[in-house]
Protein backbone atom coordinates (compact mmCIF):
# COMPACT_ATOMS: atom_id res chain seq x y z
CA UNK A 1 0.00 0.00 0.00
CA UNK A 2 1.44 3.32 -0.90
CA UNK A 3 2.45 5.60 1.90
CA UNK A 4 0.05 8.23 0.92
CA UNK A 5 -2.73 5.97 -0.22
CA UNK A 6 -5.09 6.99 2.58
CA UNK A 7 -4.65 10.64 2.03
CA UNK A 8 -7.50 12.38 0.22
CA UNK A 9 -6.63 14.52 -2.76
CA UNK A 10 -7.20 18.07 -1.58
CA UNK A 11 -6.61 19.47 -5.06
CA UNK A 12 -9.82 20.83 -6.62
CA UNK A 13 -11.15 18.91 -9.56
CA UNK A 14 -13.17 21.93 -10.82
CA UNK A 15 -12.31 23.03 -14.34
CA UNK A 16 -9.95 25.92 -14.72
CA UNK A 17 -11.76 29.24 -14.84
CA UNK A 18 -14.97 28.03 -13.19
CA UNK A 19 -15.90 28.79 -9.57
CA UNK A 20 -15.34 26.01 -7.13
CA UNK A 21 -18.68 26.39 -5.50
CA UNK A 22 -21.79 28.53 -5.45
CA UNK A 23 -20.38 30.25 -2.43
CA UNK A 24 -17.23 31.24 -4.31
CA UNK A 25 -19.33 32.41 -7.35
CA UNK A 26 -21.39 34.83 -5.30
CA UNK A 27 -20.33 38.48 -5.03
CA UNK A 28 -17.91 39.35 -2.34
CA UNK A 29 -19.43 40.62 0.84
CA UNK A 30 -19.75 44.44 0.85
CA UNK A 31 -19.59 44.86 -2.99
CA UNK A 32 -22.24 47.52 -3.99
CA UNK A 33 -23.20 47.98 -7.67
CA UNK A 34 -25.13 51.14 -6.78
CA UNK A 35 -21.82 52.77 -5.95
CA UNK A 36 -20.46 51.96 -9.43
CA UNK A 37 -23.50 53.49 -11.15
CA UNK A 38 -23.28 56.59 -8.97
CA UNK A 39 -19.61 57.07 -9.84
CA UNK A 40 -20.41 56.82 -13.57
CA UNK A 41 -23.10 59.51 -13.26
CA UNK A 42 -20.69 61.83 -11.46
CA UNK A 43 -18.14 61.41 -14.24
CA UNK A 44 -20.77 62.19 -16.88
CA UNK A 45 -21.88 65.29 -15.03
CA UNK A 46 -18.30 66.43 -14.81
CA UNK A 47 -17.92 65.99 -18.59
CA UNK A 48 -21.09 68.02 -19.20
CA UNK A 49 -19.82 70.81 -16.96
CA UNK A 50 -16.48 70.91 -18.80
CA UNK A 51 -18.24 71.02 -22.18
CA UNK A 52 -20.57 73.77 -20.96
CA UNK A 53 -17.67 75.87 -19.69
CA UNK A 54 -15.89 75.46 -23.02
CA UNK A 55 -18.99 76.67 -24.91
CA UNK A 56 -19.30 79.66 -22.60
CA UNK A 57 -15.66 80.54 -23.21
CA UNK A 58 -16.16 80.40 -26.99
CA UNK A 59 -19.29 82.57 -26.70
CA UNK A 60 -17.47 85.17 -24.60
CA UNK A 61 -14.56 85.32 -27.03
CA UNK A 62 -16.99 85.73 -29.94
CA UNK A 63 -18.88 88.50 -28.16
CA UNK A 64 -15.66 90.38 -27.41
CA UNK A 65 -14.58 90.06 -31.04
CA UNK A 66 -17.96 91.36 -32.24
CA UNK A 67 -17.90 94.36 -29.89
CA UNK A 68 -14.38 95.26 -30.97
CA UNK A 69 -15.42 94.99 -34.61
CA UNK A 70 -18.38 97.31 -34.00
CA UNK A 71 -16.11 99.80 -32.28
CA UNK A 72 -13.62 99.78 -35.16
CA UNK A 73 -13.93 103.04 -37.10
CA UNK A 74 -12.34 104.67 -40.11
CA UNK A 75 -11.91 108.33 -41.04
CA UNK A 76 -13.67 109.45 -44.25
CA UNK A 77 -14.24 112.66 -46.19
CA UNK A 78 -17.53 114.53 -45.68
CA UNK A 79 -18.85 117.66 -47.42
CA UNK A 80 -18.46 120.74 -45.23
CA UNK A 81 -20.79 122.76 -47.48
CA UNK A 82 -22.82 122.44 -50.67
CA UNK A 83 -20.81 122.14 -53.88
CA UNK A 84 -22.75 122.72 -57.13
CA UNK A 85 -22.29 120.31 -60.01
CA UNK A 86 -19.27 121.22 -62.10
CA UNK A 87 -17.64 123.35 -59.41
CA UNK A 88 -14.05 122.65 -58.42
CA UNK A 89 -13.68 121.04 -54.99
CA UNK A 90 -11.44 122.93 -52.57
CA UNK A 91 -9.94 122.09 -49.18
CA UNK A 92 -12.59 124.20 -47.44
CA UNK A 93 -15.34 122.10 -49.04
CA UNK A 94 -14.23 118.99 -47.14
CA UNK A 95 -14.07 117.82 -43.55
CA UNK A 96 -13.57 114.44 -41.89
CA UNK A 97 -15.80 112.13 -39.87
CA UNK A 98 -15.47 108.79 -38.06
CA UNK A 99 -17.72 105.94 -39.24
CA UNK A 100 -17.91 102.20 -38.57
CA UNK A 101 -15.40 100.25 -40.61
CA UNK A 102 -18.14 97.94 -41.91
CA UNK A 103 -20.20 100.80 -43.40
CA UNK A 104 -21.82 99.56 -46.60
CA UNK A 105 -21.86 102.79 -48.62
CA UNK A 106 -18.90 103.72 -50.80
CA UNK A 107 -16.76 106.38 -49.14
CA UNK A 108 -13.47 108.18 -49.69
CA UNK A 109 -10.79 107.76 -46.98
CA UNK A 110 -9.47 110.95 -45.43
CA UNK A 111 -6.00 109.97 -46.61
CA UNK A 112 -7.18 110.56 -50.22
CA UNK A 113 -8.05 114.21 -49.63
CA UNK A 114 -5.12 115.53 -51.69
CA UNK A 115 -6.29 113.59 -54.75
CA UNK A 116 -9.88 114.87 -54.40
CA UNK A 117 -9.06 118.56 -54.08
CA UNK A 118 -8.96 120.13 -57.53
CA UNK A 119 -11.43 117.73 -59.11
CA UNK A 120 -14.94 118.76 -60.16
CA UNK A 121 -18.26 117.75 -58.63
CA UNK A 122 -19.87 115.24 -60.98
CA UNK A 123 -23.23 115.78 -59.24
CA UNK A 124 -24.52 118.34 -56.74
CA UNK A 125 -22.76 117.62 -53.43
CA UNK A 126 -24.76 118.31 -50.27
CA UNK A 127 -23.30 119.52 -47.01
CA UNK A 128 -22.93 116.81 -44.38
CA UNK A 129 -23.05 113.91 -46.83
CA UNK A 130 -20.22 111.40 -47.19
CA UNK A 131 -18.16 111.92 -50.31
CA UNK A 132 -18.72 109.10 -52.81
CA UNK A 133 -15.88 108.18 -55.20
CA UNK A 134 -18.25 108.49 -58.17
CA UNK A 135 -19.27 112.02 -57.09
CA UNK A 136 -16.04 113.60 -58.32
CA UNK A 137 -14.59 113.74 -61.81
CA UNK A 138 -11.53 115.00 -63.64
CA UNK A 139 -13.68 115.96 -66.61
CA UNK A 140 -13.63 119.63 -67.52
CA UNK A 141 -17.00 121.40 -67.64
CA UNK A 142 -17.97 122.31 -70.26
CA UNK A 143 -16.45 119.67 -72.49
CA UNK A 144 -17.20 117.85 -75.72
CA UNK A 145 -20.24 119.14 -77.55
CA UNK A 146 -21.57 121.21 -74.63
CA UNK A 147 -21.38 124.92 -73.96
CA UNK A 148 -21.93 126.71 -70.65
CA UNK A 149 -24.34 129.64 -70.94
CA UNK A 150 -25.38 132.03 -68.19
CA UNK A 151 -29.02 133.14 -68.30
CA UNK A 152 -30.30 135.94 -66.08
CA UNK A 153 -34.08 135.93 -65.79
CA UNK A 154 -36.74 137.61 -63.69
CA UNK A 155 -38.72 135.64 -61.14
CA UNK A 156 -41.70 135.43 -63.49
CA UNK A 157 -39.69 133.36 -65.97
CA UNK A 158 -38.67 130.69 -63.48
CA UNK A 159 -40.71 127.97 -61.76
CA UNK A 160 -41.73 128.66 -58.19
CA UNK A 161 -39.75 125.55 -57.20
CA UNK A 162 -36.10 126.57 -56.74
CA UNK A 163 -33.69 125.16 -59.30
CA UNK A 164 -30.68 123.11 -58.25
CA UNK A 165 -27.53 121.98 -59.98
CA UNK A 166 -28.21 118.81 -61.92
CA UNK A 167 -31.82 119.66 -62.79
CA UNK A 168 -32.88 118.95 -66.37
CA UNK A 169 -34.57 122.06 -67.74
CA UNK A 170 -35.87 123.48 -71.00
CA UNK A 171 -34.94 126.89 -72.37
CA UNK A 172 -37.97 128.48 -74.04
CA UNK A 173 -37.80 131.37 -76.51
CA UNK A 174 -40.34 134.01 -75.42
CA UNK A 175 -41.61 137.14 -77.26
CA UNK A 176 -40.82 140.67 -76.18
CA UNK A 177 -43.01 142.09 -73.47
CA UNK A 178 -44.94 144.30 -75.93
CA UNK A 179 -45.29 141.65 -78.65
CA UNK A 180 -48.32 139.48 -79.24
CA UNK A 181 -48.23 135.81 -78.33
CA UNK A 182 -46.57 133.73 -81.07
CA UNK A 183 -48.87 131.86 -83.44
CA UNK A 184 -46.46 128.96 -83.78
CA UNK A 185 -44.90 126.99 -80.94
CA UNK A 186 -41.81 128.55 -79.37
CA UNK A 187 -38.28 127.38 -80.05
CA UNK A 188 -36.92 125.31 -77.17
CA UNK A 189 -33.67 123.67 -76.15
CA UNK A 190 -32.85 121.08 -73.52
CA UNK A 191 -30.28 122.00 -70.90
CA UNK A 192 -28.89 120.99 -67.53
CA UNK A 193 -28.43 123.36 -64.60
CA UNK A 194 -24.84 123.71 -63.38
CA UNK A 195 -25.19 126.57 -60.88
CA UNK A 196 -27.82 128.98 -59.59
CA UNK A 197 -27.18 132.40 -58.10
CA UNK A 198 -29.79 134.86 -56.84
CA UNK A 199 -29.27 138.60 -57.30
CA UNK A 200 -31.10 140.29 -54.37
CA UNK A 201 -30.47 143.82 -55.71
CA UNK A 202 -32.50 143.22 -58.87
CA UNK A 203 -34.70 140.32 -57.81
CA UNK A 204 -33.34 138.28 -60.70
CA UNK A 205 -31.60 134.92 -60.84
CA UNK A 206 -28.64 133.84 -62.94
CA UNK A 207 -28.73 130.21 -64.01
CA UNK A 208 -25.68 128.58 -65.62
CA UNK A 209 -26.78 125.83 -67.98
CA UNK A 210 -25.08 123.30 -70.22
CA UNK A 211 -26.49 123.33 -73.76
CA UNK A 212 -25.48 121.89 -77.10
CA UNK A 213 -22.91 124.00 -78.95
CA UNK A 214 -25.14 124.55 -81.97
CA UNK A 215 -27.91 125.97 -79.72
CA UNK A 216 -25.72 128.15 -77.53
CA UNK A 217 -25.76 131.15 -79.88
CA UNK A 218 -29.51 131.74 -80.07
CA UNK A 219 -29.92 131.03 -76.34
CA UNK A 220 -27.26 133.58 -75.43
CA UNK A 221 -28.80 136.15 -77.82
CA UNK A 222 -32.30 135.69 -76.40
CA UNK A 223 -30.99 135.76 -72.83
CA UNK A 224 -29.26 139.08 -73.48
CA UNK A 225 -32.64 140.64 -74.37
CA UNK A 226 -34.61 138.90 -71.63
CA UNK A 227 -36.47 136.75 -74.14
CA UNK A 228 -36.10 133.33 -72.53
CA UNK A 229 -37.83 131.41 -69.80
CA UNK A 230 -36.64 128.32 -67.96
CA UNK A 231 -38.94 125.41 -67.15
CA UNK A 232 -38.13 122.39 -65.01
CA UNK A 233 -38.49 119.03 -66.80
CA UNK A 234 -36.92 116.44 -64.52
CA UNK A 235 -34.78 115.96 -61.43
CA UNK A 236 -33.61 112.47 -62.35
CA UNK A 237 -29.87 112.17 -61.88
């Protein structure tokens, strides 16, 4: 009989990896799954807080950038007084103003003042308005086929509505004061107002108009004898 024949084999015959008994397979005393779930929730909440703080930081940075952009300004040229169409722009006609950098209208930077002075007003320029690049021109007035004629007329030969530079008018040949009304229609010519000047001493008004060269002679001759009237046709620019 072997020496150890009576000894019982104390080595477990359970397969590797399987619990030896139901007692060993049961959870260890004091192990709480509720604690694991609670820890997971805390970690999730912490992640949400971190994400929320990151979003707030991005929003704050964006707001600061927007405010700074709104505060950004640029210096532009503004009309200090009215400048009639065709008149040469001088230094005294211009001043500067601060506007938002994102202004949508076309403007002329104050640094370009030297290049603007000496040019002509392409349209009537109104005091207080921002100078537009297209509002000035190097073109000489008169030029081409146009002639500048000055017409001095009494108040009765002008519309009650004041004329302004840029207005489209019609020059009408009128009879002498003692003559009868013409049987045929009067001779007329289209023109554009360049400048208007009142003469308080006589109650008359001198209107400088651009007319075609071939019509300038008869208009000037009639104007010299007070035989013209001016009517307003259109203010379209």
